[in-house]
Amino acid sequence: MIFKLAAEREYLAAIRWYSNILPELGSQFEVAVEAAIAAVAANPQRFPVLSGMTREKIVDDFPYSVIYRFRAGRLTIVAVYHHSRKPFGWRHR
């Protein structure tokens, strides 16, 4: 599995943001995202296509999605994207 740098940065920024609200919330967010990534890794073809080879897994209990591509047996996390952000703002990645 590969994390695009922008995806890793937004993921870590979101953990910090939730942790600043309530430390336990940051941990809960991290667990929820890791569970979403595990579900994707277990069955990458299961989740809806956004465009081309790019798919989305909605994170449970948080307004985020894990945006990813699965090609030639390789999983690439393109974004950990907040639902209020510009739709398809991650496309340039």
PDB file of N, CA and C in Angstrom:
ATOM      1  N   MET A   1       0.834  -1.174   0.000  1.00  0.00           N
ATOM      2  CA  MET A   1       0.000   0.000   0.000  1.00  0.00           C
ATOM      3  C   MET A   1       0.883   1.242   0.000  1.00  0.00           C
ATOM      4  N   ILE A   2       0.461   2.216  -0.772  1.00  0.00           N
ATOM      5  CA  ILE A   2       1.187   3.479  -0.877  1.00  0.00           C
ATOM      6  C   ILE A   2       0.233   4.608  -0.496  1.00  0.00           C
ATOM      7  N   PHE A   3       0.706   5.538   0.318  1.00  0.00           N
ATOM      8  CA  PHE A   3      -0.026   6.753   0.663  1.00  0.00           C
ATOM      9  C   PHE A   3       0.568   7.890  -0.154  1.00  0.00           C
ATOM     10  N   LYS A   4      -0.225   8.547  -0.971  1.00  0.00           N
ATOM     11  CA  LYS A   4       0.249   9.770  -1.613  1.00  0.00           C
ATOM     12  C   LYS A   4       0.578  10.766  -0.509  1.00  0.00           C
ATOM     13  N   LEU A   5       1.579  11.607  -0.720  1.00  0.00           N
ATOM     14  CA  LEU A   5       2.015  12.554   0.296  1.00  0.00           C
ATOM     15  C   LEU A   5       0.870  13.468   0.731  1.00  0.00           C
ATOM     16  N   ALA A   6       0.088  13.957  -0.213  1.00  0.00           N
ATOM     17  CA  ALA A   6      -1.035  14.843   0.133  1.00  0.00           C
ATOM     18  C   ALA A   6      -2.061  14.123   0.997  1.00  0.00           C
ATOM     19  N   ALA A   7      -2.306  12.841   0.721  1.00  0.00           N
ATOM     20  CA  ALA A   7      -3.244  12.056   1.521  1.00  0.00           C
ATOM     21  C   ALA A   7      -2.723  11.883   2.939  1.00  0.00           C
ATOM     22  N   GLU A   8      -1.455  11.586   3.066  1.00  0.00           N
ATOM     23  CA  GLU A   8      -0.863  11.411   4.392  1.00  0.00           C
ATOM     24  C   GLU A   8      -0.930  12.703   5.192  1.00  0.00           C
ATOM     25  N   ARG A   9      -0.638  13.815   4.530  1.00  0.00           N
ATOM     26  CA  ARG A   9      -0.673  15.116   5.210  1.00  0.00           C
ATOM     27  C   ARG A   9      -2.080  15.459   5.691  1.00  0.00           C
ATOM     28  N   GLU A  10      -3.081  15.255   4.828  1.00  0.00           N
ATOM     29  CA  GLU A  10      -4.438  15.609   5.256  1.00  0.00           C
ATOM     30  C   GLU A  10      -4.939  14.660   6.338  1.00  0.00           C
ATOM     31  N   TYR A  11      -4.528  13.414   6.288  1.00  0.00           N
ATOM     32  CA  TYR A  11      -4.889  12.447   7.323  1.00  0.00           C
ATOM     33  C   TYR A  11      -4.305  12.865   8.672  1.00  0.00           C
ATOM     34  N   LEU A  12      -3.020  13.167   8.709  1.00  0.00           N
ATOM     35  CA  LEU A  12      -2.368  13.586   9.946  1.00  0.00           C
ATOM     36  C   LEU A  12      -2.921  14.913  10.460  1.00  0.00           C
ATOM     37  N   ALA A  13      -3.238  15.833   9.556  1.00  0.00           N
ATOM     38  CA  ALA A  13      -3.834  17.116   9.957  1.00  0.00           C
ATOM     39  C   ALA A  13      -5.208  16.900  10.587  1.00  0.00           C
ATOM     40  N   ALA A  14      -5.980  15.980  10.042  1.00  0.00           N
ATOM     41  CA  ALA A  14      -7.302  15.696  10.600  1.00  0.00           C
ATOM     42  C   ALA A  14      -7.181  15.049  11.981  1.00  0.00           C
ATOM     43  N   ILE A  15      -6.217  14.157  12.160  1.00  0.00           N
ATOM     44  CA  ILE A  15      -5.995  13.563  13.487  1.00  0.00           C
ATOM     45  C   ILE A  15      -5.666  14.664  14.497  1.00  0.00           C
ATOM     46  N   ARG A  16      -4.770  15.578  14.117  1.00  0.00           N
ATOM     47  CA  ARG A  16      -4.409  16.683  15.015  1.00  0.00           C
ATOM     48  C   ARG A  16      -5.625  17.554  15.329  1.00  0.00           C
ATOM     49  N   TRP A  17      -6.424  17.853  14.312  1.00  0.00           N
ATOM     50  CA  TRP A  17      -7.598  18.709  14.496  1.00  0.00           C
ATOM     51  C   TRP A  17      -8.572  18.067  15.478  1.00  0.00           C
ATOM     52  N   TYR A  18      -8.899  16.795  15.271  1.00  0.00           N
ATOM     53  CA  TYR A  18      -9.808  16.100  16.184  1.00  0.00           C
ATOM     54  C   TYR A  18      -9.199  15.961  17.575  1.00  0.00           C
ATOM     55  N   SER A  19      -7.902  15.733  17.665  1.00  0.00           N
ATOM     56  CA  SER A  19      -7.235  15.609  18.966  1.00  0.00           C
ATOM     57  C   SER A  19      -7.269  16.915  19.750  1.00  0.00           C
ATOM     58  N   ASN A  20      -7.213  18.040  19.029  1.00  0.00           N
ATOM     59  CA  ASN A  20      -7.297  19.340  19.696  1.00  0.00           C
ATOM     60  C   ASN A  20      -8.687  19.586  20.273  1.00  0.00           C
ATOM     61  N   ILE A  21      -9.695  19.025  19.660  1.00  0.00           N
ATOM     62  CA  ILE A  21     -11.052  19.139  20.191  1.00  0.00           C
ATOM     63  C   ILE A  21     -11.178  18.272  21.436  1.00  0.00           C
ATOM     64  N   LEU A  22     -10.730  17.029  21.305  1.00  0.00           N
ATOM     65  CA  LEU A  22     -10.800  16.053  22.396  1.00  0.00           C
ATOM     66  C   LEU A  22      -9.806  14.942  22.058  1.00  0.00           C
ATOM     67  N   PRO A  23      -8.824  14.699  22.900  1.00  0.00           N
ATOM     68  CA  PRO A  23      -7.794  13.703  22.570  1.00  0.00           C
ATOM     69  C   PRO A  23      -8.363  12.347  22.140  1.00  0.00           C
ATOM     70  N   GLU A  24      -9.413  11.903  22.803  1.00  0.00           N
ATOM     71  CA  GLU A  24      -9.999  10.607  22.448  1.00  0.00           C
ATOM     72  C   GLU A  24     -10.592  10.634  21.037  1.00  0.00           C
ATOM     73  N   LEU A  25     -11.066  11.810  20.626  1.00  0.00           N
ATOM     74  CA  LEU A  25     -11.677  11.932  19.300  1.00  0.00           C
ATOM     75  C   LEU A  25     -10.638  11.731  18.200  1.00  0.00           C
ATOM     76  N   GLY A  26      -9.435  12.236  18.422  1.00  0.00           N
ATOM     77  CA  GLY A  26      -8.358  12.011  17.468  1.00  0.00           C
ATOM     78  C   GLY A  26      -8.049  10.530  17.320  1.00  0.00           C
ATOM     79  N   SER A  27      -8.026   9.830  18.441  1.00  0.00           N
ATOM     80  CA  SER A  27      -7.785   8.377  18.409  1.00  0.00           C
ATOM     81  C   SER A  27      -8.926   7.645  17.721  1.00  0.00           C
ATOM     82  N   GLN A  28     -10.152   8.057  17.987  1.00  0.00           N
ATOM     83  CA  GLN A  28     -11.311   7.422  17.350  1.00  0.00           C
ATOM     84  C   GLN A  28     -11.283   7.635  15.835  1.00  0.00           C
ATOM     85  N   PHE A  29     -10.899   8.840  15.420  1.00  0.00           N
ATOM     86  CA  PHE A  29     -10.794   9.118  13.986  1.00  0.00           C
ATOM     87  C   PHE A  29      -9.728   8.227  13.352  1.00  0.00           C
ATOM     88  N   GLU A  30      -8.588   8.130  14.000  1.00  0.00           N
ATOM     89  CA  GLU A  30      -7.502   7.296  13.477  1.00  0.00           C
ATOM     90  C   GLU A  30      -7.949   5.839  13.336  1.00  0.00           C
ATOM     91  N   VAL A  31      -8.627   5.309  14.329  1.00  0.00           N
ATOM     92  CA  VAL A  31      -9.118   3.929  14.285  1.00  0.00           C
ATOM     93  C   VAL A  31     -10.125   3.759  13.149  1.00  0.00           C
ATOM     94  N   ALA A  32     -11.006   4.740  12.971  1.00  0.00           N
ATOM     95  CA  ALA A  32     -12.022   4.655  11.918  1.00  0.00           C
ATOM     96  C   ALA A  32     -11.385   4.671  10.527  1.00  0.00           C
ATOM     97  N   VAL A  33     -10.393   5.522  10.324  1.00  0.00           N
ATOM     98  CA  VAL A  33      -9.710   5.580   9.024  1.00  0.00           C
ATOM     99  C   VAL A  33      -8.929   4.295   8.780  1.00  0.00           C
ATOM    100  N   GLU A  34      -8.237   3.804   9.789  1.00  0.00           N
ATOM    101  CA  GLU A  34      -7.486   2.554   9.637  1.00  0.00           C
ATOM    102  C   GLU A  34      -8.422   1.387   9.321  1.00  0.00           C
ATOM    103  N   ALA A  35      -9.613   1.374   9.919  1.00  0.00           N
ATOM    104  CA  ALA A  35     -10.601   0.327   9.619  1.00  0.00           C
ATOM    105  C   ALA A  35     -11.083   0.445   8.173  1.00  0.00           C
ATOM    106  N   ALA A  36     -11.279   1.676   7.698  1.00  0.00           N
ATOM    107  CA  ALA A  36     -11.687   1.882   6.307  1.00  0.00           C
ATOM    108  C   ALA A  36     -10.600   1.387   5.354  1.00  0.00           C
ATOM    109  N   ILE A  37      -9.353   1.698   5.667  1.00  0.00           N
ATOM    110  CA  ILE A  37      -8.237   1.252   4.828  1.00  0.00           C
ATOM    111  C   ILE A  37      -8.130  -0.276   4.847  1.00  0.00           C
ATOM    112  N   ALA A  38      -8.327  -0.875   6.005  1.00  0.00           N
ATOM    113  CA  ALA A  38      -8.288  -2.342   6.097  1.00  0.00           C
ATOM    114  C   ALA A  38      -9.388  -2.969   5.255  1.00  0.00           C
ATOM    115  N   ALA A  39     -10.578  -2.376   5.261  1.00  0.00           N
ATOM    116  CA  ALA A  39     -11.688  -2.889   4.444  1.00  0.00           C
ATOM    117  C   ALA A  39     -11.354  -2.783   2.961  1.00  0.00           C
ATOM    118  N   VAL A  40     -10.745  -1.685   2.583  1.00  0.00           N
ATOM    119  CA  VAL A  40     -10.329  -1.484   1.192  1.00  0.00           C
ATOM    120  C   VAL A  40      -9.269  -2.516   0.807  1.00  0.00           C
ATOM    121  N   ALA A  41      -8.280  -2.707   1.672  1.00  0.00           N
ATOM    122  CA  ALA A  41      -7.200  -3.654   1.385  1.00  0.00           C
ATOM    123  C   ALA A  41      -7.733  -5.078   1.262  1.00  0.00           C
ATOM    124  N   ALA A  42      -8.747  -5.411   2.056  1.00  0.00           N
ATOM    125  CA  ALA A  42      -9.314  -6.760   2.022  1.00  0.00           C
ATOM    126  C   ALA A  42     -10.104  -7.030   0.750  1.00  0.00           C
ATOM    127  N   ASN A  43     -10.734  -5.996   0.198  1.00  0.00           N
ATOM    128  CA  ASN A  43     -11.556  -6.178  -0.998  1.00  0.00           C
ATOM    129  C   ASN A  43     -11.649  -4.858  -1.768  1.00  0.00           C
ATOM    130  N   PRO A  44     -10.607  -4.488  -2.492  1.00  0.00           N
ATOM    131  CA  PRO A  44     -10.554  -3.179  -3.148  1.00  0.00           C
ATOM    132  C   PRO A  44     -11.630  -2.951  -4.210  1.00  0.00           C
ATOM    133  N   GLN A  45     -12.155  -4.014  -4.793  1.00  0.00           N
ATOM    134  CA  GLN A  45     -13.165  -3.860  -5.846  1.00  0.00           C
ATOM    135  C   GLN A  45     -14.568  -3.639  -5.279  1.00  0.00           C
ATOM    136  N   ARG A  46     -14.715  -3.740  -3.977  1.00  0.00           N
ATOM    137  CA  ARG A  46     -16.029  -3.701  -3.325  1.00  0.00           C
ATOM    138  C   ARG A  46     -16.681  -2.319  -3.329  1.00  0.00           C
ATOM    139  N   PHE A  47     -15.903  -1.266  -3.308  1.00  0.00           N
ATOM    140  CA  PHE A  47     -16.440   0.066  -3.075  1.00  0.00           C
ATOM    141  C   PHE A  47     -16.680   0.822  -4.380  1.00  0.00           C
ATOM    142  N   PRO A  48     -17.569   1.818  -4.341  1.00  0.00           N
ATOM    143  CA  PRO A  48     -18.011   2.486  -5.568  1.00  0.00           C
ATOM    144  C   PRO A  48     -16.901   3.233  -6.304  1.00  0.00           C
ATOM    145  N   VAL A  49     -17.025   3.207  -7.625  1.00  0.00           N
ATOM    146  CA  VAL A  49     -16.102   3.928  -8.503  1.00  0.00           C
ATOM    147  C   VAL A  49     -16.511   5.396  -8.529  1.00  0.00           C
ATOM    148  N   LEU A  50     -15.526   6.282  -8.369  1.00  0.00           N
ATOM    149  CA  LEU A  50     -15.775   7.718  -8.504  1.00  0.00           C
ATOM    150  C   LEU A  50     -15.510   8.163  -9.928  1.00  0.00           C
ATOM    151  N   SER A  51     -14.391   7.720 -10.466  1.00  0.00           N
ATOM    152  CA  SER A  51     -14.046   8.007 -11.865  1.00  0.00           C
ATOM    153  C   SER A  51     -12.882   7.117 -12.254  1.00  0.00           C
ATOM    154  N   GLY A  52     -12.935   6.592 -13.445  1.00  0.00           N
ATOM    155  CA  GLY A  52     -11.851   5.731 -13.927  1.00  0.00           C
ATOM    156  C   GLY A  52     -11.564   4.591 -12.981  1.00  0.00           C
ATOM    157  N   MET A  53     -10.345   4.560 -12.458  1.00  0.00           N
ATOM    158  CA  MET A  53      -9.901   3.504 -11.545  1.00  0.00           C
ATOM    159  C   MET A  53      -9.969   3.948 -10.085  1.00  0.00           C
ATOM    160  N   THR A  54     -10.534   5.117  -9.832  1.00  0.00           N
ATOM    161  CA  THR A  54     -10.561   5.680  -8.494  1.00  0.00           C
ATOM    162  C   THR A  54     -11.857   5.317  -7.786  1.00  0.00           C
ATOM    163  N   ARG A  55     -11.716   4.855  -6.537  1.00  0.00           N
ATOM    164  CA  ARG A  55     -12.867   4.408  -5.747  1.00  0.00           C
ATOM    165  C   ARG A  55     -12.891   5.133  -4.402  1.00  0.00           C
ATOM    166  N   GLU A  56     -14.015   4.968  -3.708  1.00  0.00           N
ATOM    167  CA  GLU A  56     -14.218   5.660  -2.433  1.00  0.00           C
ATOM    168  C   GLU A  56     -14.779   4.713  -1.380  1.00  0.00           C
ATOM    169  N   LYS A  57     -14.200   4.794  -0.189  1.00  0.00           N
ATOM    170  CA  LYS A  57     -14.752   4.115   0.994  1.00  0.00           C
ATOM    171  C   LYS A  57     -15.052   5.198   2.024  1.00  0.00           C
ATOM    172  N   ILE A  58     -16.314   5.345   2.400  1.00  0.00           N
ATOM    173  CA  ILE A  58     -16.701   6.324   3.400  1.00  0.00           C
ATOM    174  C   ILE A  58     -16.251   5.818   4.771  1.00  0.00           C
ATOM    175  N   VAL A  59     -15.668   6.723   5.546  1.00  0.00           N
ATOM    176  CA  VAL A  59     -15.192   6.403   6.894  1.00  0.00           C
ATOM    177  C   VAL A  59     -16.389   6.405   7.841  1.00  0.00           C
ATOM    178  N   ASP A  60     -16.536   5.349   8.611  1.00  0.00           N
ATOM    179  CA  ASP A  60     -17.640   5.262   9.574  1.00  0.00           C
ATOM    180  C   ASP A  60     -17.522   6.353  10.638  1.00  0.00           C
ATOM    181  N   ASP A  61     -18.651   6.984  10.947  1.00  0.00           N
ATOM    182  CA  ASP A  61     -18.795   7.942  12.055  1.00  0.00           C
ATOM    183  C   ASP A  61     -18.092   9.278  11.867  1.00  0.00           C
ATOM    184  N   PHE A  62     -17.477   9.524  10.723  1.00  0.00           N
ATOM    185  CA  PHE A  62     -16.796  10.789  10.460  1.00  0.00           C
ATOM    186  C   PHE A  62     -17.110  11.236   9.033  1.00  0.00           C
ATOM    187  N   PRO A  63     -17.115  12.550   8.784  1.00  0.00           N
ATOM    188  CA  PRO A  63     -17.434  13.047   7.441  1.00  0.00           C
ATOM    189  C   PRO A  63     -16.227  13.020   6.497  1.00  0.00           C
ATOM    190  N   TYR A  64     -15.624  11.854   6.363  1.00  0.00           N
ATOM    191  CA  TYR A  64     -14.441  11.663   5.526  1.00  0.00           C
ATOM    192  C   TYR A  64     -14.602  10.436   4.649  1.00  0.00           C
ATOM    193  N   SER A  65     -13.876  10.443   3.552  1.00  0.00           N
ATOM    194  CA  SER A  65     -13.775   9.270   2.684  1.00  0.00           C
ATOM    195  C   SER A  65     -12.311   8.971   2.430  1.00  0.00           C
ATOM    196  N   VAL A  66     -12.027   7.686   2.266  1.00  0.00           N
ATOM    197  CA  VAL A  66     -10.718   7.251   1.791  1.00  0.00           C
ATOM    198  C   VAL A  66     -10.874   7.075   0.283  1.00  0.00           C
ATOM    199  N   ILE A  67     -10.134   7.867  -0.468  1.00  0.00           N
ATOM    200  CA  ILE A  67     -10.150   7.816  -1.930  1.00  0.00           C
ATOM    201  C   ILE A  67      -8.911   7.032  -2.353  1.00  0.00           C
ATOM    202  N   TYR A  68      -9.102   6.035  -3.216  1.00  0.00           N
ATOM    203  CA  TYR A  68      -7.973   5.154  -3.546  1.00  0.00           C
ATOM    204  C   TYR A  68      -8.063   4.645  -4.983  1.00  0.00           C
ATOM    205  N   ARG A  69      -6.927   4.129  -5.423  1.00  0.00           N
ATOM    206  CA  ARG A  69      -6.832   3.436  -6.711  1.00  0.00           C
ATOM    207  C   ARG A  69      -6.223   2.063  -6.462  1.00  0.00           C
ATOM    208  N   PHE A  70      -6.707   1.092  -7.212  1.00  0.00           N
ATOM    209  CA  PHE A  70      -6.149  -0.260  -7.131  1.00  0.00           C
ATOM    210  C   PHE A  70      -5.812  -0.692  -8.546  1.00  0.00           C
ATOM    211  N   ARG A  71      -4.518  -0.794  -8.812  1.00  0.00           N
ATOM    212  CA  ARG A  71      -4.032  -1.182 -10.144  1.00  0.00           C
ATOM    213  C   ARG A  71      -2.925  -2.207  -9.991  1.00  0.00           C
ATOM    214  N   ALA A  72      -3.005  -3.227 -10.815  1.00  0.00           N
ATOM    215  CA  ALA A  72      -1.961  -4.255 -10.863  1.00  0.00           C
ATOM    216  C   ALA A  72      -1.606  -4.769  -9.468  1.00  0.00           C
ATOM    217  N   GLY A  73      -2.627  -4.968  -8.643  1.00  0.00           N
ATOM    218  CA  GLY A  73      -2.405  -5.503  -7.310  1.00  0.00           C
ATOM    219  C   GLY A  73      -1.844  -4.515  -6.309  1.00  0.00           C
ATOM    220  N   ARG A  74      -1.749  -3.237  -6.680  1.00  0.00           N
ATOM    221  CA  ARG A  74      -1.183  -2.224  -5.787  1.00  0.00           C
ATOM    222  C   ARG A  74      -2.248  -1.212  -5.375  1.00  0.00           C
ATOM    223  N   LEU A  75      -2.375  -0.994  -4.077  1.00  0.00           N
ATOM    224  CA  LEU A  75      -3.338  -0.064  -3.516  1.00  0.00           C
ATOM    225  C   LEU A  75      -2.647   1.264  -3.235  1.00  0.00           C
ATOM    226  N   THR A  76      -3.217   2.349  -3.776  1.00  0.00           N
ATOM    227  CA  THR A  76      -2.684   3.685  -3.544  1.00  0.00           C
ATOM    228  C   THR A  76      -3.771   4.541  -2.920  1.00  0.00           C
ATOM    229  N   ILE A  77      -3.506   5.074  -1.723  1.00  0.00           N
ATOM    230  CA  ILE A  77      -4.431   5.991  -1.068  1.00  0.00           C
ATOM    231  C   ILE A  77      -4.157   7.372  -1.638  1.00  0.00           C
ATOM    232  N   VAL A  78      -5.150   7.914  -2.321  1.00  0.00           N
ATOM    233  CA  VAL A  78      -5.021   9.196  -3.008  1.00  0.00           C
ATOM    234  C   VAL A  78      -5.393  10.350  -2.087  1.00  0.00           C
ATOM    235  N   ALA A  79      -6.407  10.131  -1.228  1.00  0.00           N
ATOM    236  CA  ALA A  79      -6.873  11.205  -0.349  1.00  0.00           C
ATOM    237  C   ALA A  79      -7.607  10.622   0.854  1.00  0.00           C
ATOM    238  N   VAL A  80      -7.529  11.361   1.952  1.00  0.00           N
ATOM    239  CA  VAL A  80      -8.409  11.159   3.104  1.00  0.00           C
ATOM    240  C   VAL A  80      -9.167  12.475   3.159  1.00  0.00           C
ATOM    241  N   TYR A  81     -10.347  12.465   2.567  1.00  0.00           N
ATOM    242  CA  TYR A  81     -10.995  13.697   2.116  1.00  0.00           C
ATOM    243  C   TYR A  81     -12.254  14.020   2.911  1.00  0.00           C
ATOM    244  N   HIS A  82     -12.312  15.250   3.433  1.00  0.00           N
ATOM    245  CA  HIS A  82     -13.485  15.718   4.174  1.00  0.00           C
ATOM    246  C   HIS A  82     -14.629  15.989   3.206  1.00  0.00           C
ATOM    247  N   HIS A  83     -15.811  15.587   3.580  1.00  0.00           N
ATOM    248  CA  HIS A  83     -16.978  15.699   2.703  1.00  0.00           C
ATOM    249  C   HIS A  83     -17.400  17.132   2.393  1.00  0.00           C
ATOM    250  N   SER A  84     -16.975  18.097   3.192  1.00  0.00           N
ATOM    251  CA  SER A  84     -17.364  19.479   2.918  1.00  0.00           C
ATOM    252  C   SER A  84     -16.425  20.177   1.930  1.00  0.00           C
ATOM    253  N   ARG A  85     -15.331  19.538   1.581  1.00  0.00           N
ATOM    254  CA  ARG A  85     -14.385  20.130   0.632  1.00  0.00           C
ATOM    255  C   ARG A  85     -14.919  20.042  -0.793  1.00  0.00           C
ATOM    256  N   LYS A  86     -14.297  20.780  -1.665  1.00  0.00           N
ATOM    257  CA  LYS A  86     -14.694  20.810  -3.067  1.00  0.00           C
ATOM    258  C   LYS A  86     -14.750  19.387  -3.633  1.00  0.00           C
ATOM    259  N   PRO A  87     -15.913  18.992  -4.167  1.00  0.00           N
ATOM    260  CA  PRO A  87     -15.995  17.650  -4.760  1.00  0.00           C
ATOM    261  C   PRO A  87     -14.935  17.472  -5.850  1.00  0.00           C
ATOM    262  N   PHE A  88     -14.314  16.362  -5.845  1.00  0.00           N
ATOM    263  CA  PHE A  88     -13.280  15.994  -6.817  1.00  0.00           C
ATOM    264  C   PHE A  88     -12.058  16.917  -6.764  1.00  0.00           C
ATOM    265  N   GLY A  89     -11.865  17.606  -5.660  1.00  0.00           N
ATOM    266  CA  GLY A  89     -10.675  18.440  -5.488  1.00  0.00           C
ATOM    267  C   GLY A  89      -9.392  17.628  -5.435  1.00  0.00           C
ATOM    268  N   TRP A  90      -9.523  16.361  -5.215  1.00  0.00           N
ATOM    269  CA  TRP A  90      -8.372  15.445  -5.131  1.00  0.00           C
ATOM    270  C   TRP A  90      -7.934  14.943  -6.500  1.00  0.00           C
ATOM    271  N   ARG A  91      -8.695  15.236  -7.545  1.00  0.00           N
ATOM    272  CA  ARG A  91      -8.453  14.637  -8.875  1.00  0.00           C
ATOM    273  C   ARG A  91      -7.074  14.877  -9.447  1.00  0.00           C
ATOM    274  N   HIS A  92      -6.450  15.976  -9.126  1.00  0.00           N
ATOM    275  CA  HIS A  92      -5.129  16.285  -9.689  1.00  0.00           C
ATOM    276  C   HIS A  92      -4.021  15.394  -9.145  1.00  0.00           C
ATOM    277  N   ARG A  93      -4.326  14.558  -8.173  1.00  0.00           N
ATOM    278  CA  ARG A  93      -3.292  13.725  -7.527  1.00  0.00           C
ATOM    279  C   ARG A  93      -2.982  12.487  -8.330  1.00  0.00           C
TER     280      ARG A  93
END
